[in-house]
Amino acid sequence: MRRASWTWVPHPEQNSGMGEVLPFPPHGDVFVGRDVPDKALRLSWHPGSNRLVLSLWRTDTCTGTVRLTVADASRLIASLAEGLAELAAGPSEQGRPATHP
């Protein structure tokens, strides 16, 4: 997993998409896409504002950001855990391909 040392944040006085480079928050991680290597999901916790920020990056450009409350982040984590448990259990009977003798 590649870890970035900075994150792009839009400058409030500019509408052109330009931003300032800020240090990556100490509580976060970067997940590199497996299908396209220059795509990444950055996760950063912001304890001062009780927010989790998920941002999509293409190389060094932020292409989208979602800010979640603690309650929404908890729901996201529960959903991920549920999905992972289902994947670990294997396909359901309905999801299995038919077998022929």
C-alpha atoms as a PDB file:
ATOM      1  CA  MET A   1       0.000   0.000   0.000  1.00  0.00           C
ATOM      2  CA  ARG A   2       1.372   3.402  -1.001  1.00  0.00           C
ATOM      3  CA  ARG A   3       1.177   6.175   1.591  1.00  0.00           C
ATOM      4  CA  ALA A   4       1.029   9.794   0.536  1.00  0.00           C
ATOM      5  CA  SER A   5       2.508  12.575   2.617  1.00  0.00           C
ATOM      6  CA  TRP A   6       0.158  15.306   1.429  1.00  0.00           C
ATOM      7  CA  THR A   7      -3.421  15.952   0.432  1.00  0.00           C
ATOM      8  CA  TRP A   8      -5.039  18.546  -1.801  1.00  0.00           C
ATOM      9  CA  VAL A   9      -7.651  20.801  -0.221  1.00  0.00           C
ATOM     10  CA  PRO A  10      -9.633  23.399  -2.191  1.00  0.00           C
ATOM     11  CA  HIS A  11      -8.902  26.959  -1.202  1.00  0.00           C
ATOM     12  CA  PRO A  12     -12.191  28.620  -0.103  1.00  0.00           C
ATOM     13  CA  GLU A  13     -11.456  31.833  -2.013  1.00  0.00           C
ATOM     14  CA  GLN A  14     -11.049  30.099  -5.356  1.00  0.00           C
ATOM     15  CA  ASN A  15     -13.682  28.510  -7.543  1.00  0.00           C
ATOM     16  CA  SER A  16     -11.305  27.361 -10.275  1.00  0.00           C
ATOM     17  CA  GLY A  17     -10.476  24.044  -8.610  1.00  0.00           C
ATOM     18  CA  MET A  18      -7.059  25.261  -7.513  1.00  0.00           C
ATOM     19  CA  GLY A  19      -6.041  24.361  -4.007  1.00  0.00           C
ATOM     20  CA  GLU A  20      -3.313  24.425  -1.469  1.00  0.00           C
ATOM     21  CA  VAL A  21      -1.185  21.444  -0.512  1.00  0.00           C
ATOM     22  CA  LEU A  22      -1.588  20.478   3.127  1.00  0.00           C
ATOM     23  CA  PRO A  23       0.114  17.727   5.135  1.00  0.00           C
ATOM     24  CA  PHE A  24      -1.765  14.442   5.094  1.00  0.00           C
ATOM     25  CA  PRO A  25      -3.600  14.079   8.430  1.00  0.00           C
ATOM     26  CA  PRO A  26      -1.854  11.735  10.884  1.00  0.00           C
ATOM     27  CA  HIS A  27      -4.986   9.560  11.005  1.00  0.00           C
ATOM     28  CA  GLY A  28      -5.576   8.189   7.541  1.00  0.00           C
ATOM     29  CA  ASP A  29      -4.588   5.830   4.793  1.00  0.00           C
ATOM     30  CA  VAL A  30      -4.364   5.503   1.026  1.00  0.00           C
ATOM     31  CA  PHE A  31      -5.806   2.612  -0.965  1.00  0.00           C
ATOM     32  CA  VAL A  32      -4.492   2.264  -4.521  1.00  0.00           C
ATOM     33  CA  GLY A  33      -6.919   0.972  -7.133  1.00  0.00           C
ATOM     34  CA  ARG A  34      -6.167  -2.493  -8.460  1.00  0.00           C
ATOM     35  CA  ASP A  35      -7.729  -1.908 -11.884  1.00  0.00           C
ATOM     36  CA  VAL A  36      -6.068   1.432 -12.690  1.00  0.00           C
ATOM     37  CA  PRO A  37      -2.841   2.111 -10.742  1.00  0.00           C
ATOM     38  CA  ASP A  38      -3.081   5.907 -10.827  1.00  0.00           C
ATOM     39  CA  LYS A  39      -6.440   5.921  -9.016  1.00  0.00           C
ATOM     40  CA  ALA A  40      -6.577   5.976  -5.220  1.00  0.00           C
ATOM     41  CA  LEU A  41      -9.021   6.345  -2.352  1.00  0.00           C
ATOM     42  CA  ARG A  42      -7.713   8.449   0.506  1.00  0.00           C
ATOM     43  CA  LEU A  43      -9.208   8.143   3.945  1.00  0.00           C
ATOM     44  CA  SER A  44      -8.506  10.808   6.536  1.00  0.00           C
ATOM     45  CA  TRP A  45      -9.923  11.172  10.021  1.00  0.00           C
ATOM     46  CA  HIS A  46     -10.350  14.712  11.337  1.00  0.00           C
ATOM     47  CA  PRO A  47     -10.916  14.408  15.109  1.00  0.00           C
ATOM     48  CA  GLY A  48     -11.275  18.181  15.548  1.00  0.00           C
ATOM     49  CA  SER A  49     -14.391  18.231  13.382  1.00  0.00           C
ATOM     50  CA  ASN A  50     -15.555  14.655  14.093  1.00  0.00           C
ATOM     51  CA  ARG A  51     -15.424  13.826  10.394  1.00  0.00           C
ATOM     52  CA  LEU A  52     -14.095  11.123   8.132  1.00  0.00           C
ATOM     53  CA  VAL A  53     -13.129  12.357   4.679  1.00  0.00           C
ATOM     54  CA  LEU A  54     -13.024   9.976   1.728  1.00  0.00           C
ATOM     55  CA  SER A  55     -11.470  11.412  -1.410  1.00  0.00           C
ATOM     56  CA  LEU A  56     -10.906   9.945  -4.858  1.00  0.00           C
ATOM     57  CA  TRP A  57      -7.611  10.778  -6.539  1.00  0.00           C
ATOM     58  CA  ARG A  58      -6.249  10.328 -10.028  1.00  0.00           C
ATOM     59  CA  THR A  59      -2.479  10.737  -9.763  1.00  0.00           C
ATOM     60  CA  ASP A  60      -2.145  14.097  -7.940  1.00  0.00           C
ATOM     61  CA  THR A  61      -5.658  15.426  -8.649  1.00  0.00           C
ATOM     62  CA  CYS A  62      -8.600  15.099  -6.281  1.00  0.00           C
ATOM     63  CA  THR A  63     -11.638  14.164  -8.367  1.00  0.00           C
ATOM     64  CA  GLY A  64     -14.218  13.902  -5.570  1.00  0.00           C
ATOM     65  CA  THR A  65     -14.645  14.148  -1.827  1.00  0.00           C
ATOM     66  CA  VAL A  66     -17.221  12.884   0.662  1.00  0.00           C
ATOM     67  CA  ARG A  67     -17.239  14.061   4.272  1.00  0.00           C
ATOM     68  CA  LEU A  68     -18.951  11.683   6.695  1.00  0.00           C
ATOM     69  CA  THR A  69     -20.113  12.224  10.245  1.00  0.00           C
ATOM     70  CA  VAL A  70     -19.050   9.733  12.902  1.00  0.00           C
ATOM     71  CA  ALA A  71     -22.488   8.068  12.665  1.00  0.00           C
ATOM     72  CA  ASP A  72     -22.215   7.744   8.880  1.00  0.00           C
ATOM     73  CA  ALA A  73     -18.652   6.421   9.176  1.00  0.00           C
ATOM     74  CA  SER A  74     -19.893   3.796  11.652  1.00  0.00           C
ATOM     75  CA  ARG A  75     -22.600   2.765   9.188  1.00  0.00           C
ATOM     76  CA  LEU A  76     -20.009   2.560   6.382  1.00  0.00           C
ATOM     77  CA  ILE A  77     -17.718   0.387   8.504  1.00  0.00           C
ATOM     78  CA  ALA A  78     -20.631  -1.914   9.447  1.00  0.00           C
ATOM     79  CA  SER A  79     -21.601  -2.237   5.791  1.00  0.00           C
ATOM     80  CA  LEU A  80     -18.018  -3.059   4.794  1.00  0.00           C
ATOM     81  CA  ALA A  81     -17.746  -5.652   7.577  1.00  0.00           C
ATOM     82  CA  GLU A  82     -21.039  -7.261   6.537  1.00  0.00           C
ATOM     83  CA  GLY A  83     -19.947  -7.416   2.895  1.00  0.00           C
ATOM     84  CA  LEU A  84     -16.567  -8.890   3.802  1.00  0.00           C
ATOM     85  CA  ALA A  85     -18.235 -11.533   5.980  1.00  0.00           C
ATOM     86  CA  GLU A  86     -20.486 -12.498   3.065  1.00  0.00           C
ATOM     87  CA  LEU A  87     -17.496 -12.718   0.711  1.00  0.00           C
ATOM     88  CA  ALA A  88     -15.576 -14.854   3.216  1.00  0.00           C
ATOM     89  CA  ALA A  89     -18.545 -17.211   3.562  1.00  0.00           C
ATOM     90  CA  GLY A  90     -18.515 -17.865  -0.180  1.00  0.00           C
ATOM     91  CA  PRO A  91     -21.307 -17.606  -2.725  1.00  0.00           C
ATOM     92  CA  SER A  92     -24.843 -18.351  -1.625  1.00  0.00           C
ATOM     93  CA  GLU A  93     -26.791 -21.240  -3.141  1.00  0.00           C
ATOM     94  CA  GLN A  94     -28.549 -18.771  -5.465  1.00  0.00           C
ATOM     95  CA  GLY A  95     -25.236 -17.281  -6.541  1.00  0.00           C
ATOM     96  CA  ARG A  96     -23.599 -20.607  -7.370  1.00  0.00           C
ATOM     97  CA  PRO A  97     -23.469 -21.724 -10.981  1.00  0.00           C
ATOM     98  CA  ALA A  98     -25.439 -24.809 -11.840  1.00  0.00           C
ATOM     99  CA  THR A  99     -23.415 -28.017 -11.909  1.00  0.00           C
ATOM    100  CA  HIS A 100     -24.019 -30.656 -14.540  1.00  0.00           C
ATOM    101  CA  PRO A 101     -23.317 -34.365 -13.957  1.00  0.00           C
END
